[in-house]
Full PDB file with SEQRES, HELIX, SHEET, SSBOND, CRYST1, ORIGX, SCALE, CONECT and MASTER records, all heavy atoms in Angstrom:
SEQRES   1 A   31  ALA GLY GLU TRP ARG ASP TYR GLY ILE SER MET LEU LYS          
SEQRES   2 A   31  ASP VAL ALA VAL PHE SER ILE PHE ARG ARG SER ALA GLU          
SEQRES   3 A   31  HIS PRO ILE TYR ARG                                          
SHEET    1 AA1 2 ASP A   6  MET A  11  0                                        
SHEET    2 AA1 2 ALA A  16  PHE A  21 -1                                        
CRYST1    1.000    1.000    1.000  90.00  90.00  90.00 P 1           1          
ORIGX1      1.000000  0.000000  0.000000        0.00000                         
ORIGX2      0.000000  1.000000  0.000000        0.00000                         
ORIGX3      0.000000  0.000000  1.000000        0.00000                         
SCALE1      1.000000  0.000000  0.000000        0.00000                         
SCALE2      0.000000  1.000000  0.000000        0.00000                         
SCALE3      0.000000  0.000000  1.000000        0.00000                         
ATOM      1  N   ALA A   1       0.814  -1.205  -0.013  1.00  0.00           N  
ATOM      2  CA  ALA A   1      -0.007  -0.004   0.014  1.00  0.00           C  
ATOM      3  C   ALA A   1       0.871   1.266   0.003  1.00  0.00           C  
ATOM      4  O   ALA A   1       0.343   2.352  -0.100  1.00  0.00           O  
ATOM      5  CB  ALA A   1      -0.928   0.018   1.228  1.00  0.00           C  
ATOM      6  N   GLY A   2       2.182   1.112   0.119  1.00  0.00           N  
ATOM      7  CA  GLY A   2       3.093   2.247   0.099  1.00  0.00           C  
ATOM      8  C   GLY A   2       3.246   2.985   1.442  1.00  0.00           C  
ATOM      9  O   GLY A   2       3.805   4.058   1.494  1.00  0.00           O  
ATOM     10  N   GLU A   3       2.775   2.359   2.525  1.00  0.00           N  
ATOM     11  CA  GLU A   3       2.786   3.022   3.827  1.00  0.00           C  
ATOM     12  C   GLU A   3       4.094   2.774   4.607  1.00  0.00           C  
ATOM     13  O   GLU A   3       4.566   3.624   5.323  1.00  0.00           O  
ATOM     14  CB  GLU A   3       1.603   2.567   4.683  1.00  0.00           C  
ATOM     15  CG  GLU A   3       0.284   3.041   4.131  1.00  0.00           C  
ATOM     16  CD  GLU A   3       0.126   4.548   4.192  1.00  0.00           C  
ATOM     17  OE1 GLU A   3       0.377   5.147   5.264  1.00  0.00           O  
ATOM     18  OE2 GLU A   3      -0.212   5.113   3.158  1.00  0.00           O  
ATOM     19  N   TRP A   4       4.625   1.576   4.498  1.00  0.00           N  
ATOM     20  CA  TRP A   4       5.804   1.186   5.273  1.00  0.00           C  
ATOM     21  C   TRP A   4       6.920   0.805   4.302  1.00  0.00           C  
ATOM     22  O   TRP A   4       6.675   0.330   3.202  1.00  0.00           O  
ATOM     23  CB  TRP A   4       5.533   0.027   6.185  1.00  0.00           C  
ATOM     24  CG  TRP A   4       4.485   0.281   7.221  1.00  0.00           C  
ATOM     25  CD1 TRP A   4       3.986   1.486   7.629  1.00  0.00           C  
ATOM     26  CD2 TRP A   4       3.791  -0.703   7.994  1.00  0.00           C  
ATOM     27  NE1 TRP A   4       3.038   1.305   8.604  1.00  0.00           N  
ATOM     28  CE2 TRP A   4       2.909  -0.030   8.845  1.00  0.00           C  
ATOM     29  CE3 TRP A   4       3.837  -2.066   8.064  1.00  0.00           C  
ATOM     30  CZ2 TRP A   4       2.066  -0.676   9.737  1.00  0.00           C  
ATOM     31  CZ3 TRP A   4       3.035  -2.729   8.960  1.00  0.00           C  
ATOM     32  CH2 TRP A   4       2.143  -2.038   9.792  1.00  0.00           C  
ATOM     33  N   ARG A   5       8.183   0.997   4.763  1.00  0.00           N  
ATOM     34  CA  ARG A   5       9.299   0.683   3.885  1.00  0.00           C  
ATOM     35  C   ARG A   5      10.337  -0.209   4.464  1.00  0.00           C  
ATOM     36  O   ARG A   5      11.124  -0.827   3.778  1.00  0.00           O  
ATOM     37  CB  ARG A   5       9.967   1.965   3.420  1.00  0.00           C  
ATOM     38  CG  ARG A   5       9.113   2.726   2.488  1.00  0.00           C  
ATOM     39  CD  ARG A   5       9.976   3.523   1.637  1.00  0.00           C  
ATOM     40  NE  ARG A   5       9.204   4.010   0.494  1.00  0.00           N  
ATOM     41  CZ  ARG A   5       9.676   4.816  -0.382  1.00  0.00           C  
ATOM     42  NH1 ARG A   5      10.919   5.241  -0.280  1.00  0.00           N  
ATOM     43  NH2 ARG A   5       8.952   5.211  -1.370  1.00  0.00           N  
ATOM     44  N   ASP A   6      10.470  -0.240   5.790  1.00  0.00           N  
ATOM     45  CA  ASP A   6      11.576  -0.989   6.414  1.00  0.00           C  
ATOM     46  C   ASP A   6      11.143  -1.519   7.775  1.00  0.00           C  
ATOM     47  O   ASP A   6      10.147  -1.063   8.349  1.00  0.00           O  
ATOM     48  CB  ASP A   6      12.756  -0.047   6.586  1.00  0.00           C  
ATOM     49  CG  ASP A   6      14.094  -0.790   6.691  1.00  0.00           C  
ATOM     50  OD1 ASP A   6      14.109  -2.032   6.549  1.00  0.00           O  
ATOM     51  OD2 ASP A   6      15.119  -0.110   6.930  1.00  0.00           O  
ATOM     52  N   TYR A   7      11.887  -2.499   8.263  1.00  0.00           N  
ATOM     53  CA  TYR A   7      11.615  -3.044   9.588  1.00  0.00           C  
ATOM     54  C   TYR A   7      12.915  -3.476  10.240  1.00  0.00           C  
ATOM     55  O   TYR A   7      13.956  -3.615   9.570  1.00  0.00           O  
ATOM     56  CB  TYR A   7      10.634  -4.220   9.529  1.00  0.00           C  
ATOM     57  CG  TYR A   7      11.171  -5.488   8.939  1.00  0.00           C  
ATOM     58  CD1 TYR A   7      11.792  -6.463   9.716  1.00  0.00           C  
ATOM     59  CD2 TYR A   7      11.079  -5.732   7.559  1.00  0.00           C  
ATOM     60  CE1 TYR A   7      12.305  -7.621   9.165  1.00  0.00           C  
ATOM     61  CE2 TYR A   7      11.571  -6.885   6.989  1.00  0.00           C  
ATOM     62  CZ  TYR A   7      12.168  -7.808   7.817  1.00  0.00           C  
ATOM     63  OH  TYR A   7      12.677  -8.985   7.263  1.00  0.00           O  
ATOM     64  N   GLY A   8      12.865  -3.672  11.534  1.00  0.00           N  
ATOM     65  CA  GLY A   8      14.011  -4.178  12.278  1.00  0.00           C  
ATOM     66  C   GLY A   8      13.492  -5.101  13.367  1.00  0.00           C  
ATOM     67  O   GLY A   8      12.393  -4.945  13.894  1.00  0.00           O  
ATOM     68  N   ILE A   9      14.296  -6.100  13.687  1.00  0.00           N  
ATOM     69  CA  ILE A   9      13.920  -7.029  14.756  1.00  0.00           C  
ATOM     70  C   ILE A   9      15.026  -7.051  15.787  1.00  0.00           C  
ATOM     71  O   ILE A   9      16.218  -7.192  15.467  1.00  0.00           O  
ATOM     72  CB  ILE A   9      13.765  -8.484  14.190  1.00  0.00           C  
ATOM     73  CG1 ILE A   9      12.643  -8.505  13.135  1.00  0.00           C  
ATOM     74  CG2 ILE A   9      13.452  -9.465  15.322  1.00  0.00           C  
ATOM     75  CD1 ILE A   9      12.482  -9.851  12.433  1.00  0.00           C  
ATOM     76  N   SER A  10      14.620  -6.879  17.037  1.00  0.00           N  
ATOM     77  CA  SER A  10      15.532  -6.945  18.174  1.00  0.00           C  
ATOM     78  C   SER A  10      15.105  -8.079  19.088  1.00  0.00           C  
ATOM     79  O   SER A  10      13.927  -8.191  19.406  1.00  0.00           O  
ATOM     80  CB  SER A  10      15.538  -5.624  18.948  1.00  0.00           C  
ATOM     81  OG  SER A  10      15.894  -4.554  18.151  1.00  0.00           O  
ATOM     82  N   MET A  11      16.057  -8.908  19.499  1.00  0.00           N  
ATOM     83  CA  MET A  11      15.768  -9.998  20.440  1.00  0.00           C  
ATOM     84  C   MET A  11      16.653  -9.833  21.635  1.00  0.00           C  
ATOM     85  O   MET A  11      17.856 -10.006  21.552  1.00  0.00           O  
ATOM     86  CB  MET A  11      16.028 -11.349  19.728  1.00  0.00           C  
ATOM     87  CG  MET A  11      15.076 -11.626  18.581  1.00  0.00           C  
ATOM     88  SD  MET A  11      15.361 -13.163  17.753  1.00  0.00           S  
ATOM     89  CE  MET A  11      16.828 -12.761  16.815  1.00  0.00           C  
ATOM     90  N   LEU A  12      16.046  -9.417  22.721  1.00  0.00           N  
ATOM     91  CA  LEU A  12      16.786  -9.133  23.951  1.00  0.00           C  
ATOM     92  C   LEU A  12      16.430 -10.138  25.037  1.00  0.00           C  
ATOM     93  O   LEU A  12      15.675 -11.067  24.780  1.00  0.00           O  
ATOM     94  CB  LEU A  12      16.445  -7.674  24.403  1.00  0.00           C  
ATOM     95  CG  LEU A  12      16.694  -6.615  23.315  1.00  0.00           C  
ATOM     96  CD1 LEU A  12      16.098  -5.307  23.783  1.00  0.00           C  
ATOM     97  CD2 LEU A  12      18.134  -6.491  22.977  1.00  0.00           C  
ATOM     98  N   LYS A  13      16.937  -9.920  26.211  1.00  0.00           N  
ATOM     99  CA  LYS A  13      16.701 -10.855  27.306  1.00  0.00           C  
ATOM    100  C   LYS A  13      15.240 -10.938  27.733  1.00  0.00           C  
ATOM    101  O   LYS A  13      14.720 -12.007  27.997  1.00  0.00           O  
ATOM    102  CB  LYS A  13      17.570 -10.487  28.508  1.00  0.00           C  
ATOM    103  CG  LYS A  13      17.524 -11.450  29.659  1.00  0.00           C  
ATOM    104  CD  LYS A  13      18.427 -11.039  30.770  1.00  0.00           C  
ATOM    105  CE  LYS A  13      18.294 -12.015  31.921  1.00  0.00           C  
ATOM    106  NZ  LYS A  13      19.141 -11.622  33.053  1.00  0.00           N  
ATOM    107  N   ASP A  14      14.573  -9.779  27.809  1.00  0.00           N  
ATOM    108  CA  ASP A  14      13.225  -9.735  28.313  1.00  0.00           C  
ATOM    109  C   ASP A  14      12.153  -9.478  27.254  1.00  0.00           C  
ATOM    110  O   ASP A  14      10.968  -9.630  27.494  1.00  0.00           O  
ATOM    111  CB  ASP A  14      13.090  -8.625  29.386  1.00  0.00           C  
ATOM    112  CG  ASP A  14      13.931  -8.925  30.577  1.00  0.00           C  
ATOM    113  OD1 ASP A  14      14.143 -10.088  30.909  1.00  0.00           O  
ATOM    114  OD2 ASP A  14      14.395  -7.950  31.214  1.00  0.00           O  
ATOM    115  N   VAL A  15      12.559  -9.038  26.086  1.00  0.00           N  
ATOM    116  CA  VAL A  15      11.573  -8.623  25.081  1.00  0.00           C  
ATOM    117  C   VAL A  15      12.134  -8.864  23.660  1.00  0.00           C  
ATOM    118  O   VAL A  15      13.332  -8.751  23.412  1.00  0.00           O  
ATOM    119  CB  VAL A  15      11.244  -7.118  25.265  1.00  0.00           C  
ATOM    120  CG1 VAL A  15      12.434  -6.227  25.081  1.00  0.00           C  
ATOM    121  CG2 VAL A  15      10.111  -6.679  24.384  1.00  0.00           C  
ATOM    122  N   ALA A  16      11.207  -9.190  22.758  1.00  0.00           N  
ATOM    123  CA  ALA A  16      11.473  -9.219  21.335  1.00  0.00           C  
ATOM    124  C   ALA A  16      10.668  -8.090  20.712  1.00  0.00           C  
ATOM    125  O   ALA A  16       9.507  -7.878  21.037  1.00  0.00           O  
ATOM    126  CB  ALA A  16      11.077 -10.561  20.726  1.00  0.00           C  
ATOM    127  N   VAL A  17      11.308  -7.333  19.815  1.00  0.00           N  
ATOM    128  CA  VAL A  17      10.654  -6.159  19.232  1.00  0.00           C  
ATOM    129  C   VAL A  17      10.759  -6.205  17.737  1.00  0.00           C  
ATOM    130  O   VAL A  17      11.833  -6.419  17.179  1.00  0.00           O  
ATOM    131  CB  VAL A  17      11.321  -4.829  19.741  1.00  0.00           C  
ATOM    132  CG1 VAL A  17      10.597  -3.628  19.166  1.00  0.00           C  
ATOM    133  CG2 VAL A  17      11.340  -4.768  21.236  1.00  0.00           C  
ATOM    134  N   PHE A  18       9.612  -6.009  17.065  1.00  0.00           N  
ATOM    135  CA  PHE A  18       9.561  -5.858  15.620  1.00  0.00           C  
ATOM    136  C   PHE A  18       9.242  -4.388  15.374  1.00  0.00           C  
ATOM    137  O   PHE A  18       8.143  -3.935  15.667  1.00  0.00           O  
ATOM    138  CB  PHE A  18       8.473  -6.756  15.020  1.00  0.00           C  
ATOM    139  CG  PHE A  18       8.453  -6.791  13.514  1.00  0.00           C  
ATOM    140  CD1 PHE A  18       9.105  -7.794  12.832  1.00  0.00           C  
ATOM    141  CD2 PHE A  18       7.790  -5.805  12.785  1.00  0.00           C  
ATOM    142  CE1 PHE A  18       9.091  -7.842  11.447  1.00  0.00           C  
ATOM    143  CE2 PHE A  18       7.768  -5.835  11.426  1.00  0.00           C  
ATOM    144  CZ  PHE A  18       8.422  -6.850  10.745  1.00  0.00           C  
ATOM    145  N   SER A  19      10.209  -3.619  14.898  1.00  0.00           N  
ATOM    146  CA  SER A  19      10.038  -2.183  14.676  1.00  0.00           C  
ATOM    147  C   SER A  19       9.703  -1.918  13.201  1.00  0.00           C  
ATOM    148  O   SER A  19      10.311  -2.495  12.319  1.00  0.00           O  
ATOM    149  CB  SER A  19      11.316  -1.426  15.010  1.00  0.00           C  
ATOM    150  OG  SER A  19      11.653  -1.646  16.353  1.00  0.00           O  
ATOM    151  N   ILE A  20       8.712  -1.032  12.975  1.00  0.00           N  
ATOM    152  CA  ILE A  20       8.248  -0.725  11.645  1.00  0.00           C  
ATOM    153  C   ILE A  20       8.585   0.749  11.336  1.00  0.00           C  
ATOM    154  O   ILE A  20       8.285   1.617  12.139  1.00  0.00           O  
ATOM    155  CB  ILE A  20       6.735  -0.953  11.546  1.00  0.00           C  
ATOM    156  CG1 ILE A  20       6.457  -2.428  11.840  1.00  0.00           C  
ATOM    157  CG2 ILE A  20       6.215  -0.543  10.166  1.00  0.00           C  
ATOM    158  CD1 ILE A  20       4.970  -2.718  12.093  1.00  0.00           C  
ATOM    159  N   PHE A  21       9.165   0.947  10.157  1.00  0.00           N  
ATOM    160  CA  PHE A  21       9.612   2.295   9.749  1.00  0.00           C  
ATOM    161  C   PHE A  21       8.907   2.739   8.472  1.00  0.00           C  
ATOM    162  O   PHE A  21       8.695   1.934   7.577  1.00  0.00           O  
ATOM    163  CB  PHE A  21      11.108   2.299   9.498  1.00  0.00           C  
ATOM    164  CG  PHE A  21      11.935   1.900  10.694  1.00  0.00           C  
ATOM    165  CD1 PHE A  21      12.250   0.570  10.936  1.00  0.00           C  
ATOM    166  CD2 PHE A  21      12.427   2.849  11.575  1.00  0.00           C  
ATOM    167  CE1 PHE A  21      13.004   0.200  12.010  1.00  0.00           C  
ATOM    168  CE2 PHE A  21      13.178   2.510  12.666  1.00  0.00           C  
ATOM    169  CZ  PHE A  21      13.472   1.177  12.898  1.00  0.00           C  
ATOM    170  N   ARG A  22       8.603   4.023   8.411  1.00  0.00           N  
ATOM    171  CA  ARG A  22       8.071   4.596   7.171  1.00  0.00           C  
ATOM    172  C   ARG A  22       9.208   4.762   6.199  1.00  0.00           C  
ATOM    173  O   ARG A  22       9.061   4.511   4.998  1.00  0.00           O  
ATOM    174  CB  ARG A  22       7.365   5.930   7.451  1.00  0.00           C  
ATOM    175  CG  ARG A  22       6.692   6.455   6.235  1.00  0.00           C  
ATOM    176  CD  ARG A  22       5.684   7.556   6.540  1.00  0.00           C  
ATOM    177  NE  ARG A  22       4.550   6.985   7.233  1.00  0.00           N  
ATOM    178  CZ  ARG A  22       3.940   7.565   8.279  1.00  0.00           C  
ATOM    179  NH1 ARG A  22       4.389   8.681   8.751  1.00  0.00           N  
ATOM    180  NH2 ARG A  22       2.916   6.993   8.817  1.00  0.00           N  
ATOM    181  N   ARG A  23      10.367   5.228   6.676  1.00  0.00           N  
ATOM    182  CA  ARG A  23      11.604   5.319   5.900  1.00  0.00           C  
ATOM    183  C   ARG A  23      12.695   4.741   6.760  1.00  0.00           C  
ATOM    184  O   ARG A  23      12.622   4.773   7.979  1.00  0.00           O  
ATOM    185  CB  ARG A  23      11.903   6.780   5.564  1.00  0.00           C  
ATOM    186  CG  ARG A  23      10.960   7.343   4.546  1.00  0.00           C  
ATOM    187  CD  ARG A  23      11.251   8.818   4.265  1.00  0.00           C  
ATOM    188  NE  ARG A  23      10.087   9.493   3.739  1.00  0.00           N  
ATOM    189  CZ  ARG A  23       9.077   9.970   4.482  1.00  0.00           C  
ATOM    190  NH1 ARG A  23       9.147   9.902   5.779  1.00  0.00           N  
ATOM    191  NH2 ARG A  23       8.058  10.559   3.928  1.00  0.00           N  
ATOM    192  N   SER A  24      13.742   4.274   6.159  1.00  0.00           N  
ATOM    193  CA  SER A  24      14.768   3.534   6.913  1.00  0.00           C  
ATOM    194  C   SER A  24      15.584   4.433   7.857  1.00  0.00           C  
ATOM    195  O   SER A  24      16.177   3.924   8.793  1.00  0.00           O  
ATOM    196  CB  SER A  24      15.706   2.818   5.984  1.00  0.00           C  
ATOM    197  OG  SER A  24      16.314   3.715   5.089  1.00  0.00           O  
ATOM    198  N   ALA A  25      15.612   5.697   7.675  1.00  0.00           N  
ATOM    199  CA  ALA A  25      16.428   6.608   8.523  1.00  0.00           C  
ATOM    200  C   ALA A  25      15.625   7.236   9.665  1.00  0.00           C  
ATOM    201  O   ALA A  25      16.130   8.118  10.342  1.00  0.00           O  
ATOM    202  CB  ALA A  25      17.056   7.673   7.669  1.00  0.00           C  
ATOM    203  N   GLU A  26      14.407   6.820   9.867  1.00  0.00           N  
ATOM    204  CA  GLU A  26      13.556   7.417  10.893  1.00  0.00           C  
ATOM    205  C   GLU A  26      13.498   6.581  12.184  1.00  0.00           C  
ATOM    206  O   GLU A  26      14.067   5.504  12.268  1.00  0.00           O  
ATOM    207  CB  GLU A  26      12.129   7.508  10.369  1.00  0.00           C  
ATOM    208  CG  GLU A  26      11.919   8.479   9.275  1.00  0.00           C  
ATOM    209  CD  GLU A  26      10.445   8.562   8.900  1.00  0.00           C  
ATOM    210  OE1 GLU A  26       9.674   7.651   9.261  1.00  0.00           O  
ATOM    211  OE2 GLU A  26      10.065   9.546   8.239  1.00  0.00           O  
ATOM    212  N   HIS A  27      12.768   7.141  13.145  1.00  0.00           N  
ATOM    213  CA  HIS A  27      12.374   6.343  14.316  1.00  0.00           C  
ATOM    214  C   HIS A  27      11.214   5.448  13.910  1.00  0.00           C  
ATOM    215  O   HIS A  27      10.490   5.787  13.004  1.00  0.00           O  
ATOM    216  CB  HIS A  27      11.963   7.262  15.466  1.00  0.00           C  
ATOM    217  CG  HIS A  27      13.067   8.145  15.953  1.00  0.00           C  
ATOM    218  ND1 HIS A  27      14.134   7.634  16.693  1.00  0.00           N  
ATOM    219  CD2 HIS A  27      13.306   9.477  15.803  1.00  0.00           C  
ATOM    220  CE1 HIS A  27      14.945   8.609  16.980  1.00  0.00           C  
ATOM    221  NE2 HIS A  27      14.493   9.756  16.453  1.00  0.00           N  
ATOM    222  N   PRO A  28      11.033   4.338  14.571  1.00  0.00           N  
ATOM    223  CA  PRO A  28       9.935   3.455  14.200  1.00  0.00           C  
ATOM    224  C   PRO A  28       8.566   4.134  14.423  1.00  0.00           C  
ATOM    225  O   PRO A  28       8.362   4.819  15.429  1.00  0.00           O  
ATOM    226  CB  PRO A  28      10.095   2.245  15.084  1.00  0.00           C  
ATOM    227  CG  PRO A  28      10.974   2.659  16.226  1.00  0.00           C  
ATOM    228  CD  PRO A  28      11.814   3.784  15.699  1.00  0.00           C  
ATOM    229  N   ILE A  29       7.648   3.873  13.472  1.00  0.00           N  
ATOM    230  CA  ILE A  29       6.305   4.413  13.657  1.00  0.00           C  
ATOM    231  C   ILE A  29       5.454   3.496  14.549  1.00  0.00           C  
ATOM    232  O   ILE A  29       4.548   3.932  15.197  1.00  0.00           O  
ATOM    233  CB  ILE A  29       5.599   4.718  12.311  1.00  0.00           C  
ATOM    234  CG1 ILE A  29       5.604   3.495  11.418  1.00  0.00           C  
ATOM    235  CG2 ILE A  29       6.243   5.881  11.636  1.00  0.00           C  
ATOM    236  CD1 ILE A  29       4.807   3.649  10.120  1.00  0.00           C  
ATOM    237  N   TYR A  30       5.778   2.167  14.512  1.00  0.00           N  
ATOM    238  CA  TYR A  30       5.132   1.209  15.350  1.00  0.00           C  
ATOM    239  C   TYR A  30       6.167   0.216  15.853  1.00  0.00           C  
ATOM    240  O   TYR A  30       7.148  -0.084  15.153  1.00  0.00           O  
ATOM    241  CB  TYR A  30       4.031   0.411  14.610  1.00  0.00           C  
ATOM    242  CG  TYR A  30       2.897   1.295  14.137  1.00  0.00           C  
ATOM    243  CD1 TYR A  30       2.777   1.573  12.789  1.00  0.00           C  
ATOM    244  CD2 TYR A  30       1.990   1.816  15.007  1.00  0.00           C  
ATOM    245  CE1 TYR A  30       1.768   2.379  12.310  1.00  0.00           C  
ATOM    246  CE2 TYR A  30       0.966   2.621  14.554  1.00  0.00           C  
ATOM    247  CZ  TYR A  30       0.857   2.885  13.221  1.00  0.00           C  
ATOM    248  OH  TYR A  30      -0.135   3.689  12.750  1.00  0.00           O  
ATOM    249  N   ARG A  31       5.900  -0.323  17.049  1.00  0.00           N  
ATOM    250  CA  ARG A  31       6.727  -1.407  17.588  1.00  0.00           C  
ATOM    251  C   ARG A  31       5.753  -2.498  18.033  1.00  0.00           C  
ATOM    252  O   ARG A  31       4.787  -2.229  18.738  1.00  0.00           O  
ATOM    253  CB  ARG A  31       7.544  -0.952  18.789  1.00  0.00           C  
ATOM    254  CG  ARG A  31       8.661  -0.018  18.446  1.00  0.00           C  
ATOM    255  CD  ARG A  31       9.610   0.310  19.604  1.00  0.00           C  
ATOM    256  NE  ARG A  31       9.067   0.148  20.941  1.00  0.00           N  
ATOM    257  CZ  ARG A  31       8.627   1.179  21.691  1.00  0.00           C  
ATOM    258  NH1 ARG A  31       8.597   2.386  21.213  1.00  0.00           N  
ATOM    259  NH2 ARG A  31       8.164   0.961  22.909  1.00  0.00           N  
TER     260      ARG A  31                                                      
MASTER        0    0    0    0    2    0    0    6  259    1    0    3          
END                                                                             
């Protein structure tokens, strides 16, 4: 749909996070 462009996955001791970015150089719009 052209809304999202990039993502990142972090796997830590207490939490796993899937971060969603509108552009790759931004802060995540959703986690």
